[in-house]
Amino acid sequence: MLKKTMAPKQERSRESLRRLIAAARAVLNEKGLEGATVPRVAARAGLSPASVYRRFPDKDALMRSVVLETLQSYDEGNEAVLTPKLAKLGSLATFGEKIVEQSLAAHRKNAGMLRAMTQFILSHPSAAFKKKAAQISARSLNRVAEFLLLKRKEMSHPRPEEAVQFGLTVVGFVLQEIVVLDPLPEVPDPRLPKNDADLVRELARVLLSYLGVSNKGKTD
């Protein structure tokens, strides 16, 4: 009898946590780190501030959970999608361009949240928290790298394992600089491609050329 009564309560608790995390992400994306107050997040989730404080003692604890849950969800998404079965359905040039395209779209959609998360991680005093966030991010990157390495026969780089990791890191840094950390996103930068389609094409060209992949017909 106890198990039967506890199960619905546990499910309701998990659902309220999911709503809370989703609400915090939305508020971070719209209002930034400073604007993501507990009352505002609670209201977006349809909860009372008191119910949030029963779960998290302060905003810092809530934000740490949001950051780690978000990074974990990215990792799990990569694990679910980037499978050997998928790798059989296309060339490395195709997948390289698609990864850049989807990464850019995700950065555009979540620029405010990603900016807030970066700010929170960099300024946080806990080395343990920073280490855990870095470990999850590295694991997520590794999943993408391992997927691309299923196509290593299409690479001519002498050290494909190192090259894939570095190439993906470069793409990530570029997207962070252009999209997430851009202080004036409404002002066009003359140094960059004129639109996102051109940006995807050129970033894919950078990645694939570095790996020694023939991408003729995909990014030309």
Protein backbone atom coordinates (compact mmCIF):
# COMPACT_ATOMS: atom_id res chain seq x y z
CA MET A 1 0.00 0.00 0.00
CA LEU A 2 2.83 2.38 0.80
CA LYS A 3 4.42 1.86 -2.62
CA LYS A 4 1.11 2.57 -4.35
CA THR A 5 0.66 5.85 -2.53
CA MET A 6 4.28 6.94 -2.96
CA ALA A 7 4.45 6.37 -6.73
CA PRO A 8 2.00 9.13 -7.72
CA LYS A 9 3.67 11.54 -5.32
CA GLN A 10 7.08 10.74 -6.76
CA GLU A 11 5.81 11.20 -10.30
CA ARG A 12 4.23 14.53 -9.40
CA SER A 13 7.51 15.58 -7.82
CA ARG A 14 9.45 14.62 -10.96
CA GLU A 15 6.96 16.45 -13.15
CA SER A 16 7.17 19.62 -11.04
CA LEU A 17 10.96 19.44 -11.24
CA ARG A 18 10.79 19.08 -15.02
CA ARG A 19 8.50 22.11 -15.23
CA LEU A 20 10.80 24.07 -12.97
CA ILE A 21 13.92 23.28 -15.00
CA ALA A 22 12.13 24.10 -18.27
CA ALA A 23 10.85 27.37 -16.80
CA ALA A 24 14.31 28.33 -15.58
CA ARG A 25 15.76 27.69 -19.05
CA ALA A 26 13.08 29.85 -20.66
CA VAL A 27 13.60 32.70 -18.20
CA LEU A 28 17.37 32.52 -18.59
CA ASN A 29 16.95 32.70 -22.34
CA GLU A 30 14.69 35.75 -22.11
CA LYS A 31 15.97 37.63 -19.08
CA GLY A 32 19.54 36.47 -18.53
CA LEU A 33 21.15 35.33 -15.32
CA GLU A 34 20.28 38.43 -13.29
CA GLY A 35 16.68 38.35 -14.44
CA ALA A 36 16.17 34.69 -13.56
CA THR A 37 14.85 35.31 -10.08
CA VAL A 38 13.25 32.50 -8.10
CA PRO A 39 9.80 34.19 -8.06
CA ARG A 40 9.94 34.73 -11.83
CA VAL A 41 11.00 31.13 -12.52
CA ALA A 42 8.38 29.81 -10.11
CA ALA A 43 5.65 31.82 -11.82
CA ARG A 44 6.69 30.54 -15.24
CA ALA A 45 6.55 26.97 -13.92
CA GLY A 46 3.15 27.50 -12.31
CA LEU A 47 4.58 26.99 -8.85
CA SER A 48 4.85 29.11 -5.73
CA PRO A 49 8.28 30.49 -4.68
CA ALA A 50 7.86 28.57 -1.43
CA SER A 51 7.61 25.27 -3.30
CA VAL A 52 10.83 26.09 -5.18
CA TYR A 53 12.64 26.91 -1.94
CA ARG A 54 11.51 23.61 -0.44
CA ARG A 55 13.45 21.88 -3.20
CA PHE A 56 16.34 24.33 -3.59
CA PRO A 57 17.64 26.44 -0.67
CA ASP A 58 18.59 29.39 -2.89
CA LYS A 59 18.96 30.60 -6.46
CA ASP A 60 22.52 29.29 -6.67
CA ALA A 61 21.38 25.73 -5.97
CA LEU A 62 18.60 26.05 -8.55
CA MET A 63 20.96 27.41 -11.21
CA ARG A 64 23.52 24.67 -10.56
CA SER A 65 20.81 22.09 -11.11
CA VAL A 66 19.59 23.83 -14.27
CA VAL A 67 23.09 23.99 -15.74
CA LEU A 68 23.91 20.36 -15.03
CA GLU A 69 20.48 19.09 -16.13
CA THR A 70 20.76 21.07 -19.38
CA LEU A 71 24.24 19.79 -20.17
CA GLN A 72 23.12 16.26 -19.33
CA SER A 73 20.12 16.57 -21.64
CA TYR A 74 22.41 17.60 -24.51
CA ASP A 75 24.62 14.60 -23.83
CA GLU A 76 21.68 12.22 -23.71
CA GLY A 77 20.31 13.68 -26.92
CA ASN A 78 23.59 13.05 -28.69
CA GLU A 79 23.71 9.51 -27.36
CA ALA A 80 20.17 8.78 -28.58
CA VAL A 81 20.57 10.22 -32.07
CA LEU A 82 24.18 9.67 -33.12
CA THR A 83 24.14 5.91 -33.62
CA PRO A 84 26.05 3.52 -35.92
CA LYS A 85 22.74 2.92 -37.72
CA LEU A 86 22.49 6.61 -38.56
CA ALA A 87 26.11 6.71 -39.72
CA LYS A 88 25.28 4.24 -42.49
CA LEU A 89 22.77 6.63 -44.02
CA GLY A 90 25.13 9.31 -45.29
CA SER A 91 28.64 10.55 -45.95
CA LEU A 92 30.94 12.34 -43.54
CA ALA A 93 30.53 15.52 -45.61
CA THR A 94 26.77 15.32 -45.18
CA PHE A 95 26.97 14.69 -41.43
CA GLY A 96 29.61 17.36 -40.90
CA GLU A 97 27.44 20.00 -42.53
CA LYS A 98 24.32 18.81 -40.71
CA ILE A 99 26.06 18.94 -37.32
CA VAL A 100 27.21 22.50 -37.97
CA GLU A 101 23.73 23.49 -39.16
CA GLN A 102 21.97 22.02 -36.12
CA SER A 103 24.56 23.45 -33.72
CA LEU A 104 24.09 26.93 -35.15
CA ALA A 105 20.30 26.61 -34.94
CA ALA A 106 20.52 25.50 -31.29
CA HIS A 107 22.86 28.38 -30.46
CA ARG A 108 20.53 30.88 -32.12
CA LYS A 109 17.48 29.52 -30.31
CA ASN A 110 19.13 29.35 -26.89
CA ALA A 111 21.65 32.18 -27.07
CA GLY A 112 20.41 33.93 -23.94
CA MET A 113 20.35 30.75 -21.90
CA LEU A 114 23.79 29.67 -23.12
CA ARG A 115 25.20 33.10 -22.32
CA ALA A 116 23.75 32.95 -18.82
CA MET A 117 25.04 29.43 -18.27
CA THR A 118 28.53 30.41 -19.42
CA GLN A 119 28.50 33.41 -17.10
CA PHE A 120 27.28 31.30 -14.19
CA ILE A 121 29.88 28.55 -14.69
CA LEU A 122 32.82 30.92 -15.15
CA SER A 123 31.94 33.01 -12.10
CA HIS A 124 31.03 30.16 -9.76
CA PRO A 125 33.35 29.65 -6.78
CA SER A 126 32.91 25.85 -6.64
CA ALA A 127 35.68 23.98 -8.44
CA ALA A 128 33.72 20.76 -8.02
CA PHE A 129 30.72 22.23 -9.84
CA LYS A 130 32.90 23.58 -12.64
CA LYS A 131 34.61 20.21 -13.00
CA LYS A 132 31.32 18.35 -13.22
CA ALA A 133 29.99 20.75 -15.86
CA ALA A 134 33.20 20.39 -17.85
CA GLN A 135 33.05 16.60 -17.63
CA ILE A 136 29.49 16.45 -18.98
CA SER A 137 30.34 18.88 -21.79
CA ALA A 138 33.40 16.82 -22.72
CA ARG A 139 31.37 13.62 -22.73
CA SER A 140 28.81 15.22 -25.02
CA LEU A 141 31.53 16.38 -27.41
CA ASN A 142 33.08 12.91 -27.31
CA ARG A 143 29.81 11.37 -28.48
CA VAL A 144 29.78 13.61 -31.55
CA ALA A 145 33.44 12.84 -32.19
CA GLU A 146 32.88 9.10 -31.87
CA PHE A 147 30.01 9.32 -34.33
CA LEU A 148 32.13 11.14 -36.91
CA LEU A 149 34.95 8.66 -36.38
CA LEU A 150 32.65 5.93 -37.66
CA LYS A 151 33.46 7.62 -40.98
CA ARG A 152 37.20 7.77 -40.42
CA LYS A 153 37.87 6.05 -43.76
CA GLU A 154 36.66 9.24 -45.41
CA MET A 155 39.30 11.31 -43.57
CA SER A 156 42.85 11.84 -44.76
CA HIS A 157 44.10 13.57 -41.60
CA PRO A 158 46.99 11.49 -40.15
CA ARG A 159 45.53 11.59 -36.63
CA PRO A 160 41.75 11.44 -37.03
CA GLU A 161 40.94 10.95 -33.33
CA GLU A 162 42.75 14.14 -32.34
CA ALA A 163 41.56 16.02 -35.42
CA VAL A 164 37.87 15.34 -34.87
CA GLN A 165 38.03 16.51 -31.26
CA PHE A 166 39.91 19.66 -32.17
CA GLY A 167 37.78 20.42 -35.22
CA LEU A 168 34.55 20.18 -33.24
CA THR A 169 36.05 22.33 -30.49
CA VAL A 170 36.95 25.02 -33.01
CA VAL A 171 33.41 25.01 -34.41
CA GLY A 172 32.02 25.28 -30.88
CA PHE A 173 34.29 28.21 -30.04
CA VAL A 174 33.34 30.03 -33.23
CA LEU A 175 29.61 29.60 -32.59
CA GLN A 176 29.98 30.72 -29.01
CA GLU A 177 31.88 33.83 -30.05
CA ILE A 178 29.59 34.72 -32.95
CA VAL A 179 26.22 33.88 -31.41
CA VAL A 180 26.42 33.55 -27.63
CA LEU A 181 28.94 36.25 -26.73
CA ASP A 182 28.08 38.77 -29.44
CA PRO A 183 27.44 42.06 -27.58
CA LEU A 184 25.56 43.58 -30.55
CA PRO A 185 23.70 40.75 -32.29
CA GLU A 186 21.50 43.20 -34.20
CA VAL A 187 24.54 44.85 -35.86
CA PRO A 188 25.97 42.88 -38.82
CA ASP A 189 29.66 42.06 -38.55
CA PRO A 190 31.37 42.68 -41.93
CA ARG A 191 33.97 40.02 -41.15
CA LEU A 192 31.38 37.23 -41.12
CA PRO A 193 29.27 35.52 -43.81
CA LYS A 194 26.16 37.51 -44.65
CA ASN A 195 23.62 34.92 -43.49
CA ASP A 196 23.34 31.67 -41.55
CA ALA A 197 23.28 29.51 -44.68
CA ASP A 198 26.65 30.95 -45.71
CA LEU A 199 27.97 30.60 -42.17
CA VAL A 200 27.02 26.92 -42.08
CA ARG A 201 28.65 26.33 -45.44
CA GLU A 202 31.91 28.01 -44.47
CA LEU A 203 32.14 26.43 -41.01
CA ALA A 204 31.47 23.01 -42.51
CA ARG A 205 34.17 23.73 -45.08
CA VAL A 206 36.61 24.56 -42.29
CA LEU A 207 35.80 21.38 -40.35
CA LEU A 208 35.76 19.00 -43.30
CA SER A 209 38.83 20.45 -44.97
CA TYR A 210 40.76 20.14 -41.72
CA LEU A 211 39.73 16.48 -41.46
CA GLY A 212 40.82 15.95 -45.03
CA VAL A 213 37.33 15.16 -46.29
CA SER A 214 36.20 15.69 -49.83
CA ASN A 215 33.06 17.81 -49.50
CA LYS A 216 32.61 18.67 -53.13
CA GLY A 217 28.98 19.15 -53.93
CA LYS A 218 28.04 19.77 -50.31
CA THR A 219 29.69 23.03 -49.32
CA ASP A 220 30.80 24.45 -52.67
